[in-house]
Amino acid sequence: MKLLLRILLTAILVMIISYFMNGVSVDNFITSIIVAVVLGLLNILVKPILVLLTLPVTIFTLGLFLLFINAAMILLCTKIVGGFKVDSLWTAMLFSIVLSISQSIMYRLANDDK
């Protein structure tokens, strides 16, 4: 149930961010749900491999290279999911930052059952 809530929250955030951010477009809500699932799978399966392969660069840049890895995950998602489009690497990086911050806030608010 918690996973389903996270997917739905991420899908809603993807729709909201794409509405306000130039260079990002999502066709409909079903596409945003698919984007949320694909991003989750990419972050589980592909991102750890990329982080491991680029560890020296990440250490040298004091972790800032992870922003490029996150942007690469967004761009890879645009290649996989039809109806989701991000114009450039810099747009993908900004989208990734905004999505991460808003996910953190929303997950904390949704998990406030204490």
PDB file of N, CA and C in Angstrom:
ATOM      1  N   MET A   1       0.818  -1.192   0.000  1.00  0.00           N
ATOM      2  CA  MET A   1       0.000   0.000   0.000  1.00  0.00           C
ATOM      3  C   MET A   1       0.863   1.257   0.000  1.00  0.00           C
ATOM      4  N   LYS A   2       1.965   1.200   0.757  1.00  0.00           N
ATOM      5  CA  LYS A   2       2.860   2.338   0.842  1.00  0.00           C
ATOM      6  C   LYS A   2       3.530   2.609  -0.516  1.00  0.00           C
ATOM      7  N   LEU A   3       3.876   1.541  -1.236  1.00  0.00           N
ATOM      8  CA  LEU A   3       4.488   1.685  -2.552  1.00  0.00           C
ATOM      9  C   LEU A   3       3.512   2.322  -3.539  1.00  0.00           C
ATOM     10  N   LEU A   4       2.262   1.907  -3.497  1.00  0.00           N
ATOM     11  CA  LEU A   4       1.240   2.472  -4.377  1.00  0.00           C
ATOM     12  C   LEU A   4       1.047   3.957  -4.099  1.00  0.00           C
ATOM     13  N   LEU A   5       1.059   4.339  -2.829  1.00  0.00           N
ATOM     14  CA  LEU A   5       0.931   5.750  -2.464  1.00  0.00           C
ATOM     15  C   LEU A   5       2.112   6.556  -2.993  1.00  0.00           C
ATOM     16  N   ARG A   6       3.309   6.008  -2.885  1.00  0.00           N
ATOM     17  CA  ARG A   6       4.494   6.701  -3.393  1.00  0.00           C
ATOM     18  C   ARG A   6       4.445   6.867  -4.907  1.00  0.00           C
ATOM     19  N   ILE A   7       3.981   5.846  -5.607  1.00  0.00           N
ATOM     20  CA  ILE A   7       3.874   5.939  -7.066  1.00  0.00           C
ATOM     21  C   ILE A   7       2.852   7.004  -7.451  1.00  0.00           C
ATOM     22  N   LEU A   8       1.716   7.017  -6.776  1.00  0.00           N
ATOM     23  CA  LEU A   8       0.690   8.018  -7.080  1.00  0.00           C
ATOM     24  C   LEU A   8       1.163   9.434  -6.754  1.00  0.00           C
ATOM     25  N   LEU A   9       1.852   9.603  -5.630  1.00  0.00           N
ATOM     26  CA  LEU A   9       2.381  10.925  -5.278  1.00  0.00           C
ATOM     27  C   LEU A   9       3.418  11.383  -6.306  1.00  0.00           C
ATOM     28  N   THR A  10       4.284  10.473  -6.725  1.00  0.00           N
ATOM     29  CA  THR A  10       5.288  10.828  -7.722  1.00  0.00           C
ATOM     30  C   THR A  10       4.629  11.176  -9.051  1.00  0.00           C
ATOM     31  N   ALA A  11       3.601  10.436  -9.435  1.00  0.00           N
ATOM     32  CA  ALA A  11       2.891  10.725 -10.683  1.00  0.00           C
ATOM     33  C   ALA A  11       2.233  12.102 -10.623  1.00  0.00           C
ATOM     34  N   ILE A  12       1.638  12.428  -9.504  1.00  0.00           N
ATOM     35  CA  ILE A  12       1.020  13.753  -9.350  1.00  0.00           C
ATOM     36  C   ILE A  12       2.076  14.844  -9.418  1.00  0.00           C
ATOM     37  N   LEU A  13       3.210  14.618  -8.763  1.00  0.00           N
ATOM     38  CA  LEU A  13       4.287  15.610  -8.792  1.00  0.00           C
ATOM     39  C   LEU A  13       4.857  15.778 -10.194  1.00  0.00           C
ATOM     40  N   VAL A  14       4.981  14.695 -10.940  1.00  0.00           N
ATOM     41  CA  VAL A  14       5.468  14.784 -12.322  1.00  0.00           C
ATOM     42  C   VAL A  14       4.511  15.631 -13.149  1.00  0.00           C
ATOM     43  N   MET A  15       3.215  15.438 -12.980  1.00  0.00           N
ATOM     44  CA  MET A  15       2.228  16.246 -13.712  1.00  0.00           C
ATOM     45  C   MET A  15       2.322  17.727 -13.327  1.00  0.00           C
ATOM     46  N   ILE A  16       2.437  17.996 -12.035  1.00  0.00           N
ATOM     47  CA  ILE A  16       2.503  19.387 -11.568  1.00  0.00           C
ATOM     48  C   ILE A  16       3.771  20.059 -12.069  1.00  0.00           C
ATOM     49  N   ILE A  17       4.897  19.379 -11.941  1.00  0.00           N
ATOM     50  CA  ILE A  17       6.163  19.966 -12.376  1.00  0.00           C
ATOM     51  C   ILE A  17       6.165  20.192 -13.881  1.00  0.00           C
ATOM     52  N   SER A  18       5.629  19.248 -14.644  1.00  0.00           N
ATOM     53  CA  SER A  18       5.604  19.425 -16.095  1.00  0.00           C
ATOM     54  C   SER A  18       4.692  20.574 -16.512  1.00  0.00           C
ATOM     55  N   TYR A  19       3.685  20.853 -15.711  1.00  0.00           N
ATOM     56  CA  TYR A  19       2.794  21.967 -16.007  1.00  0.00           C
ATOM     57  C   TYR A  19       3.509  23.307 -15.836  1.00  0.00           C
ATOM     58  N   PHE A  20       4.354  23.415 -14.814  1.00  0.00           N
ATOM     59  CA  PHE A  20       5.016  24.681 -14.509  1.00  0.00           C
ATOM     60  C   PHE A  20       6.394  24.838 -15.150  1.00  0.00           C
ATOM     61  N   MET A  21       7.034  23.757 -15.548  1.00  0.00           N
ATOM     62  CA  MET A  21       8.399  23.835 -16.054  1.00  0.00           C
ATOM     63  C   MET A  21       8.413  23.762 -17.578  1.00  0.00           C
ATOM     64  N   ASN A  22       9.047  24.759 -18.195  1.00  0.00           N
ATOM     65  CA  ASN A  22       9.220  24.731 -19.638  1.00  0.00           C
ATOM     66  C   ASN A  22      10.224  23.653 -20.015  1.00  0.00           C
ATOM     67  N   GLY A  23       9.969  22.963 -21.109  1.00  0.00           N
ATOM     68  CA  GLY A  23      10.890  21.942 -21.571  1.00  0.00           C
ATOM     69  C   GLY A  23      10.550  20.548 -21.099  1.00  0.00           C
ATOM     70  N   VAL A  24       9.534  20.412 -20.265  1.00  0.00           N
ATOM     71  CA  VAL A  24       9.080  19.106 -19.787  1.00  0.00           C
ATOM     72  C   VAL A  24       7.608  18.972 -20.149  1.00  0.00           C
ATOM     73  N   SER A  25       7.271  17.855 -20.793  1.00  0.00           N
ATOM     74  CA  SER A  25       5.864  17.642 -21.132  1.00  0.00           C
ATOM     75  C   SER A  25       5.463  16.199 -20.870  1.00  0.00           C
ATOM     76  N   VAL A  26       4.255  16.057 -20.353  1.00  0.00           N
ATOM     77  CA  VAL A  26       3.649  14.751 -20.090  1.00  0.00           C
ATOM     78  C   VAL A  26       2.275  14.793 -20.729  1.00  0.00           C
ATOM     79  N   ASP A  27       1.945  13.756 -21.516  1.00  0.00           N
ATOM     80  CA  ASP A  27       0.674  13.751 -22.241  1.00  0.00           C
ATOM     81  C   ASP A  27      -0.537  13.680 -21.327  1.00  0.00           C
ATOM     82  N   ASN A  28      -0.552  12.738 -20.389  1.00  0.00           N
ATOM     83  CA  ASN A  28      -1.717  12.570 -19.522  1.00  0.00           C
ATOM     84  C   ASN A  28      -1.292  11.924 -18.205  1.00  0.00           C
ATOM     85  N   PHE A  29      -2.278  11.700 -17.330  1.00  0.00           N
ATOM     86  CA  PHE A  29      -1.967  11.160 -15.999  1.00  0.00           C
ATOM     87  C   PHE A  29      -1.485   9.717 -16.060  1.00  0.00           C
ATOM     88  N   ILE A  30      -2.010   8.934 -16.988  1.00  0.00           N
ATOM     89  CA  ILE A  30      -1.550   7.546 -17.138  1.00  0.00           C
ATOM     90  C   ILE A  30      -0.066   7.532 -17.508  1.00  0.00           C
ATOM     91  N   THR A  31       0.335   8.455 -18.378  1.00  0.00           N
ATOM     92  CA  THR A  31       1.749   8.560 -18.740  1.00  0.00           C
ATOM     93  C   THR A  31       2.591   8.932 -17.529  1.00  0.00           C
ATOM     94  N   SER A  32       2.082   9.815 -16.682  1.00  0.00           N
ATOM     95  CA  SER A  32       2.846  10.198 -15.492  1.00  0.00           C
ATOM     96  C   SER A  32       2.967   9.033 -14.514  1.00  0.00           C
ATOM     97  N   ILE A  33       1.959   8.171 -14.444  1.00  0.00           N
ATOM     98  CA  ILE A  33       2.068   6.972 -13.604  1.00  0.00           C
ATOM     99  C   ILE A  33       3.140   6.036 -14.162  1.00  0.00           C
ATOM    100  N   ILE A  34       3.164   5.895 -15.482  1.00  0.00           N
ATOM    101  CA  ILE A  34       4.193   5.058 -16.117  1.00  0.00           C
ATOM    102  C   ILE A  34       5.571   5.661 -15.880  1.00  0.00           C
ATOM    103  N   VAL A  35       5.682   6.982 -15.959  1.00  0.00           N
ATOM    104  CA  VAL A  35       6.959   7.656 -15.684  1.00  0.00           C
ATOM    105  C   VAL A  35       7.406   7.379 -14.250  1.00  0.00           C
ATOM    106  N   ALA A  36       6.486   7.442 -13.308  1.00  0.00           N
ATOM    107  CA  ALA A  36       6.825   7.192 -11.903  1.00  0.00           C
ATOM    108  C   ALA A  36       7.331   5.764 -11.708  1.00  0.00           C
ATOM    109  N   VAL A  37       6.678   4.803 -12.345  1.00  0.00           N
ATOM    110  CA  VAL A  37       7.101   3.399 -12.217  1.00  0.00           C
ATOM    111  C   VAL A  37       8.460   3.182 -12.885  1.00  0.00           C
ATOM    112  N   VAL A  38       8.629   3.720 -14.098  1.00  0.00           N
ATOM    113  CA  VAL A  38       9.899   3.537 -14.821  1.00  0.00           C
ATOM    114  C   VAL A  38      11.042   4.220 -14.085  1.00  0.00           C
ATOM    115  N   LEU A  39      10.813   5.432 -13.562  1.00  0.00           N
ATOM    116  CA  LEU A  39      11.862   6.102 -12.781  1.00  0.00           C
ATOM    117  C   LEU A  39      12.238   5.299 -11.544  1.00  0.00           C
ATOM    118  N   GLY A  40      11.243   4.736 -10.892  1.00  0.00           N
ATOM    119  CA  GLY A  40      11.529   3.893  -9.734  1.00  0.00           C
ATOM    120  C   GLY A  40      12.361   2.682 -10.099  1.00  0.00           C
ATOM    121  N   LEU A  41      12.000   2.026 -11.206  1.00  0.00           N
ATOM    122  CA  LEU A  41      12.768   0.851 -11.639  1.00  0.00           C
ATOM    123  C   LEU A  41      14.173   1.222 -12.079  1.00  0.00           C
ATOM    124  N   LEU A  42      14.311   2.349 -12.787  1.00  0.00           N
ATOM    125  CA  LEU A  42      15.646   2.788 -13.199  1.00  0.00           C
ATOM    126  C   LEU A  42      16.510   3.127 -11.993  1.00  0.00           C
ATOM    127  N   ASN A  43      15.913   3.759 -10.995  1.00  0.00           N
ATOM    128  CA  ASN A  43      16.667   4.096  -9.788  1.00  0.00           C
ATOM    129  C   ASN A  43      17.071   2.861  -8.991  1.00  0.00           C
ATOM    130  N   ILE A  44      16.293   1.792  -9.107  1.00  0.00           N
ATOM    131  CA  ILE A  44      16.640   0.556  -8.398  1.00  0.00           C
ATOM    132  C   ILE A  44      17.667  -0.272  -9.178  1.00  0.00           C
ATOM    133  N   LEU A  45      17.501  -0.349 -10.496  1.00  0.00           N
ATOM    134  CA  LEU A  45      18.304  -1.270 -11.297  1.00  0.00           C
ATOM    135  C   LEU A  45      19.533  -0.641 -11.955  1.00  0.00           C
ATOM    136  N   VAL A  46      19.391   0.534 -12.539  1.00  0.00           N
ATOM    137  CA  VAL A  46      20.461   1.111 -13.347  1.00  0.00           C
ATOM    138  C   VAL A  46      21.334   2.084 -12.558  1.00  0.00           C
ATOM    139  N   LYS A  47      20.715   2.910 -11.723  1.00  0.00           N
ATOM    140  CA  LYS A  47      21.453   3.952 -11.014  1.00  0.00           C
ATOM    141  C   LYS A  47      22.594   3.416 -10.148  1.00  0.00           C
ATOM    142  N   PRO A  48      22.409   2.332  -9.383  1.00  0.00           N
ATOM    143  CA  PRO A  48      23.546   1.838  -8.577  1.00  0.00           C
ATOM    144  C   PRO A  48      24.747   1.426  -9.431  1.00  0.00           C
ATOM    145  N   ILE A  49      24.495   0.881 -10.599  1.00  0.00           N
ATOM    146  CA  ILE A  49      25.597   0.500 -11.488  1.00  0.00           C
ATOM    147  C   ILE A  49      26.335   1.739 -11.974  1.00  0.00           C
ATOM    148  N   LEU A  50      25.583   2.775 -12.379  1.00  0.00           N
ATOM    149  CA  LEU A  50      26.216   4.013 -12.827  1.00  0.00           C
ATOM    150  C   LEU A  50      26.989   4.698 -11.703  1.00  0.00           C
ATOM    151  N   VAL A  51      26.430   4.674 -10.515  1.00  0.00           N
ATOM    152  CA  VAL A  51      27.127   5.289  -9.377  1.00  0.00           C
ATOM    153  C   VAL A  51      28.434   4.552  -9.100  1.00  0.00           C
ATOM    154  N   LEU A  52      28.401   3.243  -9.169  1.00  0.00           N
ATOM    155  CA  LEU A  52      29.614   2.460  -8.932  1.00  0.00           C
ATOM    156  C   LEU A  52      30.659   2.701 -10.015  1.00  0.00           C
ATOM    157  N   LEU A  53      30.222   2.752 -11.265  1.00  0.00           N
ATOM    158  CA  LEU A  53      31.170   2.967 -12.366  1.00  0.00           C
ATOM    159  C   LEU A  53      31.770   4.365 -12.370  1.00  0.00           C
ATOM    160  N   THR A  54      31.038   5.335 -11.876  1.00  0.00           N
ATOM    161  CA  THR A  54      31.526   6.711 -11.876  1.00  0.00           C
ATOM    162  C   THR A  54      31.972   7.173 -10.491  1.00  0.00           C
ATOM    163  N   LEU A  55      32.269   6.245  -9.616  1.00  0.00           N
ATOM    164  CA  LEU A  55      32.654   6.584  -8.244  1.00  0.00           C
ATOM    165  C   LEU A  55      33.866   7.515  -8.165  1.00  0.00           C
ATOM    166  N   PRO A  56      34.934   7.291  -8.941  1.00  0.00           N
ATOM    167  CA  PRO A  56      36.056   8.235  -8.856  1.00  0.00           C
ATOM    168  C   PRO A  56      35.670   9.665  -9.238  1.00  0.00           C
ATOM    169  N   VAL A  57      34.856   9.817 -10.268  1.00  0.00           N
ATOM    170  CA  VAL A  57      34.417  11.150 -10.674  1.00  0.00           C
ATOM    171  C   VAL A  57      33.519  11.758  -9.604  1.00  0.00           C
ATOM    172  N   THR A  58      32.663  10.944  -9.021  1.00  0.00           N
ATOM    173  CA  THR A  58      31.763  11.424  -7.974  1.00  0.00           C
ATOM    174  C   THR A  58      32.556  11.884  -6.754  1.00  0.00           C
ATOM    175  N   ILE A  59      33.570  11.147  -6.386  1.00  0.00           N
ATOM    176  CA  ILE A  59      34.410  11.541  -5.249  1.00  0.00           C
ATOM    177  C   ILE A  59      35.168  12.818  -5.578  1.00  0.00           C
ATOM    178  N   PHE A  60      35.709  12.900  -6.794  1.00  0.00           N
ATOM    179  CA  PHE A  60      36.482  14.076  -7.209  1.00  0.00           C
ATOM    180  C   PHE A  60      35.610  15.338  -7.212  1.00  0.00           C
ATOM    181  N   THR A  61      34.343  15.199  -7.594  1.00  0.00           N
ATOM    182  CA  THR A  61      33.441  16.358  -7.642  1.00  0.00           C
ATOM    183  C   THR A  61      32.656  16.538  -6.344  1.00  0.00           C
ATOM    184  N   LEU A  62      33.024  15.795  -5.324  1.00  0.00           N
ATOM    185  CA  LEU A  62      32.390  15.870  -4.007  1.00  0.00           C
ATOM    186  C   LEU A  62      30.884  15.578  -4.076  1.00  0.00           C
ATOM    187  N   GLY A  63      30.514  14.652  -4.944  1.00  0.00           N
ATOM    188  CA  GLY A  63      29.135  14.206  -5.039  1.00  0.00           C
ATOM    189  C   GLY A  63      28.277  14.955  -6.034  1.00  0.00           C
ATOM    190  N   LEU A  64      28.782  16.029  -6.621  1.00  0.00           N
ATOM    191  CA  LEU A  64      27.974  16.802  -7.558  1.00  0.00           C
ATOM    192  C   LEU A  64      27.696  16.046  -8.854  1.00  0.00           C
ATOM    193  N   PHE A  65      28.524  15.060  -9.177  1.00  0.00           N
ATOM    194  CA  PHE A  65      28.291  14.278 -10.394  1.00  0.00           C
ATOM    195  C   PHE A  65      27.007  13.459 -10.286  1.00  0.00           C
ATOM    196  N   LEU A  66      26.539  13.223  -9.074  1.00  0.00           N
ATOM    197  CA  LEU A  66      25.278  12.499  -8.892  1.00  0.00           C
ATOM    198  C   LEU A  66      24.101  13.247  -9.509  1.00  0.00           C
ATOM    199  N   LEU A  67      24.211  14.577  -9.609  1.00  0.00           N
ATOM    200  CA  LEU A  67      23.171  15.347 -10.288  1.00  0.00           C
ATOM    201  C   LEU A  67      23.090  14.969 -11.757  1.00  0.00           C
ATOM    202  N   PHE A  68      24.245  14.735 -12.387  1.00  0.00           N
ATOM    203  CA  PHE A  68      24.258  14.320 -13.787  1.00  0.00           C
ATOM    204  C   PHE A  68      23.713  12.900 -13.948  1.00  0.00           C
ATOM    205  N   ILE A  69      23.983  12.052 -12.977  1.00  0.00           N
ATOM    206  CA  ILE A  69      23.442  10.692 -13.034  1.00  0.00           C
ATOM    207  C   ILE A  69      21.918  10.729 -12.913  1.00  0.00           C
ATOM    208  N   ASN A  70      21.397  11.567 -12.021  1.00  0.00           N
ATOM    209  CA  ASN A  70      19.946  11.711 -11.896  1.00  0.00           C
ATOM    210  C   ASN A  70      19.337  12.258 -13.183  1.00  0.00           C
ATOM    211  N   ALA A  71      20.005  13.228 -13.792  1.00  0.00           N
ATOM    212  CA  ALA A  71      19.516  13.777 -15.061  1.00  0.00           C
ATOM    213  C   ALA A  71      19.561  12.711 -16.150  1.00  0.00           C
ATOM    214  N   ALA A  72      20.578  11.872 -16.136  1.00  0.00           N
ATOM    215  CA  ALA A  72      20.657  10.785 -17.117  1.00  0.00           C
ATOM    216  C   ALA A  72      19.518   9.792 -16.930  1.00  0.00           C
ATOM    217  N   MET A  73      19.107   9.549 -15.686  1.00  0.00           N
ATOM    218  CA  MET A  73      17.965   8.664 -15.433  1.00  0.00           C
ATOM    219  C   MET A  73      16.681   9.266 -16.001  1.00  0.00           C
ATOM    220  N   ILE A  74      16.530  10.581 -15.876  1.00  0.00           N
ATOM    221  CA  ILE A  74      15.357  11.261 -16.437  1.00  0.00           C
ATOM    222  C   ILE A  74      15.379  11.157 -17.957  1.00  0.00           C
ATOM    223  N   LEU A  75      16.539  11.410 -18.576  1.00  0.00           N
ATOM    224  CA  LEU A  75      16.633  11.328 -20.038  1.00  0.00           C
ATOM    225  C   LEU A  75      16.428   9.906 -20.538  1.00  0.00           C
ATOM    226  N   LEU A  76      16.907   8.924 -19.795  1.00  0.00           N
ATOM    227  CA  LEU A  76      16.663   7.526 -20.169  1.00  0.00           C
ATOM    228  C   LEU A  76      15.172   7.207 -20.079  1.00  0.00           C
ATOM    229  N   CYS A  77      14.517   7.774 -19.106  1.00  0.00           N
ATOM    230  CA  CYS A  77      13.071   7.569 -18.961  1.00  0.00           C
ATOM    231  C   CYS A  77      12.320   8.178 -20.146  1.00  0.00           C
ATOM    232  N   THR A  78      12.808   9.293 -20.678  1.00  0.00           N
ATOM    233  CA  THR A  78      12.146   9.886 -21.841  1.00  0.00           C
ATOM    234  C   THR A  78      12.270   8.985 -23.068  1.00  0.00           C
ATOM    235  N   LYS A  79      13.362   8.236 -23.151  1.00  0.00           N
ATOM    236  CA  LYS A  79      13.535   7.304 -24.274  1.00  0.00           C
ATOM    237  C   LYS A  79      12.629   6.082 -24.135  1.00  0.00           C
ATOM    238  N   ILE A  80      12.329   5.693 -22.907  1.00  0.00           N
ATOM    239  CA  ILE A  80      11.529   4.488 -22.653  1.00  0.00           C
ATOM    240  C   ILE A  80      10.037   4.782 -22.722  1.00  0.00           C
ATOM    241  N   VAL A  81       9.618   5.885 -22.136  1.00  0.00           N
ATOM    242  CA  VAL A  81       8.189   6.195 -22.007  1.00  0.00           C
ATOM    243  C   VAL A  81       7.773   7.155 -23.117  1.00  0.00           C
ATOM    244  N   GLY A  82       6.847   6.730 -23.941  1.00  0.00           N
ATOM    245  CA  GLY A  82       6.279   7.616 -24.950  1.00  0.00           C
ATOM    246  C   GLY A  82       5.301   8.572 -24.294  1.00  0.00           C
ATOM    247  N   GLY A  83       5.309   9.807 -24.735  1.00  0.00           N
ATOM    248  CA  GLY A  83       4.419  10.804 -24.142  1.00  0.00           C
ATOM    249  C   GLY A  83       5.067  11.603 -23.035  1.00  0.00           C
ATOM    250  N   PHE A  84       6.297  11.284 -22.697  1.00  0.00           N
ATOM    251  CA  PHE A  84       7.063  12.034 -21.698  1.00  0.00           C
ATOM    252  C   PHE A  84       8.282  12.591 -22.401  1.00  0.00           C
ATOM    253  N   LYS A  85       8.476  13.911 -22.327  1.00  0.00           N
ATOM    254  CA  LYS A  85       9.559  14.539 -23.071  1.00  0.00           C
ATOM    255  C   LYS A  85      10.256  15.572 -22.201  1.00  0.00           C
ATOM    256  N   VAL A  86      11.579  15.508 -22.198  1.00  0.00           N
ATOM    257  CA  VAL A  86      12.414  16.509 -21.545  1.00  0.00           C
ATOM    258  C   VAL A  86      13.380  17.012 -22.605  1.00  0.00           C
ATOM    259  N   ASP A  87      13.486  18.326 -22.754  1.00  0.00           N
ATOM    260  CA  ASP A  87      14.217  18.914 -23.872  1.00  0.00           C
ATOM    261  C   ASP A  87      15.730  18.757 -23.812  1.00  0.00           C
ATOM    262  N   SER A  88      16.340  18.982 -22.644  1.00  0.00           N
ATOM    263  CA  SER A  88      17.803  18.999 -22.593  1.00  0.00           C
ATOM    264  C   SER A  88      18.310  18.408 -21.280  1.00  0.00           C
ATOM    265  N   LEU A  89      19.613  18.252 -21.211  1.00  0.00           N
ATOM    266  CA  LEU A  89      20.253  17.735 -19.997  1.00  0.00           C
ATOM    267  C   LEU A  89      20.019  18.681 -18.828  1.00  0.00           C
ATOM    268  N   TRP A  90      20.115  19.970 -19.077  1.00  0.00           N
ATOM    269  CA  TRP A  90      19.953  20.951 -18.002  1.00  0.00           C
ATOM    270  C   TRP A  90      18.512  20.992 -17.507  1.00  0.00           C
ATOM    271  N   THR A  91      17.573  20.842 -18.415  1.00  0.00           N
ATOM    272  CA  THR A  91      16.167  20.753 -18.014  1.00  0.00           C
ATOM    273  C   THR A  91      15.933  19.491 -17.195  1.00  0.00           C
ATOM    274  N   ALA A  92      16.549  18.388 -17.618  1.00  0.00           N
ATOM    275  CA  ALA A  92      16.425  17.131 -16.877  1.00  0.00           C
ATOM    276  C   ALA A  92      17.036  17.265 -15.483  1.00  0.00           C
ATOM    277  N   MET A  93      18.143  17.990 -15.390  1.00  0.00           N
ATOM    278  CA  MET A  93      18.782  18.176 -14.088  1.00  0.00           C
ATOM    279  C   MET A  93      17.890  19.011 -13.167  1.00  0.00           C
ATOM    280  N   LEU A  94      17.326  20.083 -13.690  1.00  0.00           N
ATOM    281  CA  LEU A  94      16.439  20.916 -12.887  1.00  0.00           C
ATOM    282  C   LEU A  94      15.175  20.145 -12.503  1.00  0.00           C
ATOM    283  N   PHE A  95      14.623  19.378 -13.445  1.00  0.00           N
ATOM    284  CA  PHE A  95      13.452  18.546 -13.167  1.00  0.00           C
ATOM    285  C   PHE A  95      13.768  17.541 -12.062  1.00  0.00           C
ATOM    286  N   SER A  96      14.944  16.939 -12.131  1.00  0.00           N
ATOM    287  CA  SER A  96      15.354  15.961 -11.125  1.00  0.00           C
ATOM    288  C   SER A  96      15.471  16.590  -9.742  1.00  0.00           C
ATOM    289  N   ILE A  97      16.049  17.776  -9.676  1.00  0.00           N
ATOM    290  CA  ILE A  97      16.209  18.463  -8.389  1.00  0.00           C
ATOM    291  C   ILE A  97      14.844  18.829  -7.801  1.00  0.00           C
ATOM    292  N   VAL A  98      13.992  19.409  -8.633  1.00  0.00           N
ATOM    293  CA  VAL A  98      12.662  19.813  -8.151  1.00  0.00           C
ATOM    294  C   VAL A  98      11.846  18.588  -7.733  1.00  0.00           C
ATOM    295  N   LEU A  99      11.912  17.521  -8.536  1.00  0.00           N
ATOM    296  CA  LEU A  99      11.173  16.304  -8.202  1.00  0.00           C
ATOM    297  C   LEU A  99      11.685  15.690  -6.900  1.00  0.00           C
ATOM    298  N   SER A 100      12.975  15.650  -6.709  1.00  0.00           N
ATOM    299  CA  SER A 100      13.541  15.068  -5.485  1.00  0.00           C
ATOM    300  C   SER A 100      13.131  15.851  -4.244  1.00  0.00           C
ATOM    301  N   ILE A 101      13.207  17.159  -4.330  1.00  0.00           N
ATOM    302  CA  ILE A 101      12.838  17.993  -3.180  1.00  0.00           C
ATOM    303  C   ILE A 101      11.346  17.865  -2.879  1.00  0.00           C
ATOM    304  N   SER A 102      10.519  17.921  -3.918  1.00  0.00           N
ATOM    305  CA  SER A 102       9.078  17.829  -3.689  1.00  0.00           C
ATOM    306  C   SER A 102       8.668  16.432  -3.223  1.00  0.00           C
ATOM    307  N   GLN A 103       9.347  15.383  -3.713  1.00  0.00           N
ATOM    308  CA  GLN A 103       9.070  14.034  -3.218  1.00  0.00           C
ATOM    309  C   GLN A 103       9.408  13.927  -1.738  1.00  0.00           C
ATOM    310  N   SER A 104      10.526  14.479  -1.364  1.00  0.00           N
ATOM    311  CA  SER A 104      10.935  14.427   0.038  1.00  0.00           C
ATOM    312  C   SER A 104       9.902  15.098   0.935  1.00  0.00           C
ATOM    313  N   ILE A 105       9.415  16.252   0.511  1.00  0.00           N
ATOM    314  CA  ILE A 105       8.412  16.969   1.294  1.00  0.00           C
ATOM    315  C   ILE A 105       7.101  16.183   1.346  1.00  0.00           C
ATOM    316  N   MET A 106       6.643  15.701   0.202  1.00  0.00           N
ATOM    317  CA  MET A 106       5.361  14.992   0.148  1.00  0.00           C
ATOM    318  C   MET A 106       5.406  13.662   0.897  1.00  0.00           C
ATOM    319  N   TYR A 107       6.500  12.927   0.776  1.00  0.00           N
ATOM    320  CA  TYR A 107       6.608  11.652   1.492  1.00  0.00           C
ATOM    321  C   TYR A 107       6.596  11.880   2.990  1.00  0.00           C
ATOM    322  N   ARG A 108       7.247  12.942   3.422  1.00  0.00           N
ATOM    323  CA  ARG A 108       7.262  13.244   4.855  1.00  0.00           C
ATOM    324  C   ARG A 108       5.875  13.632   5.347  1.00  0.00           C
ATOM    325  N   LEU A 109       5.148  14.406   4.546  1.00  0.00           N
ATOM    326  CA  LEU A 109       3.782  14.803   4.930  1.00  0.00           C
ATOM    327  C   LEU A 109       2.825  13.622   4.898  1.00  0.00           C
ATOM    328  N   ALA A 110       2.985  12.741   3.917  1.00  0.00           N
ATOM    329  CA  ALA A 110       2.085  11.578   3.792  1.00  0.00           C
ATOM    330  C   ALA A 110       2.367  10.518   4.843  1.00  0.00           C
ATOM    331  N   ASN A 111       3.564  10.489   5.361  1.00  0.00           N
ATOM    332  CA  ASN A 111       3.952   9.468   6.333  1.00  0.00           C
ATOM    333  C   ASN A 111       3.858   9.981   7.761  1.00  0.00           C
ATOM    334  N   ASP A 112       3.081  11.032   7.970  1.00  0.00           N
ATOM    335  CA  ASP A 112       2.962  11.666   9.284  1.00  0.00           C
ATOM    336  C   ASP A 112       1.891  10.967  10.114  1.00  0.00           C
ATOM    337  N   ASP A 113       2.153   9.679  10.461  1.00  0.00           N
ATOM    338  CA  ASP A 113       1.179   8.910  11.232  1.00  0.00           C
ATOM    339  C   ASP A 113       1.606   8.721  12.680  1.00  0.00           C
ATOM    340  N   LYS A 114       2.525   9.472  13.174  1.00  0.00           N
ATOM    341  CA  LYS A 114       3.025   9.298  14.536  1.00  0.00           C
ATOM    342  C   LYS A 114       2.219  10.073  15.535  1.00  0.00           C
TER     343      LYS A 114
END
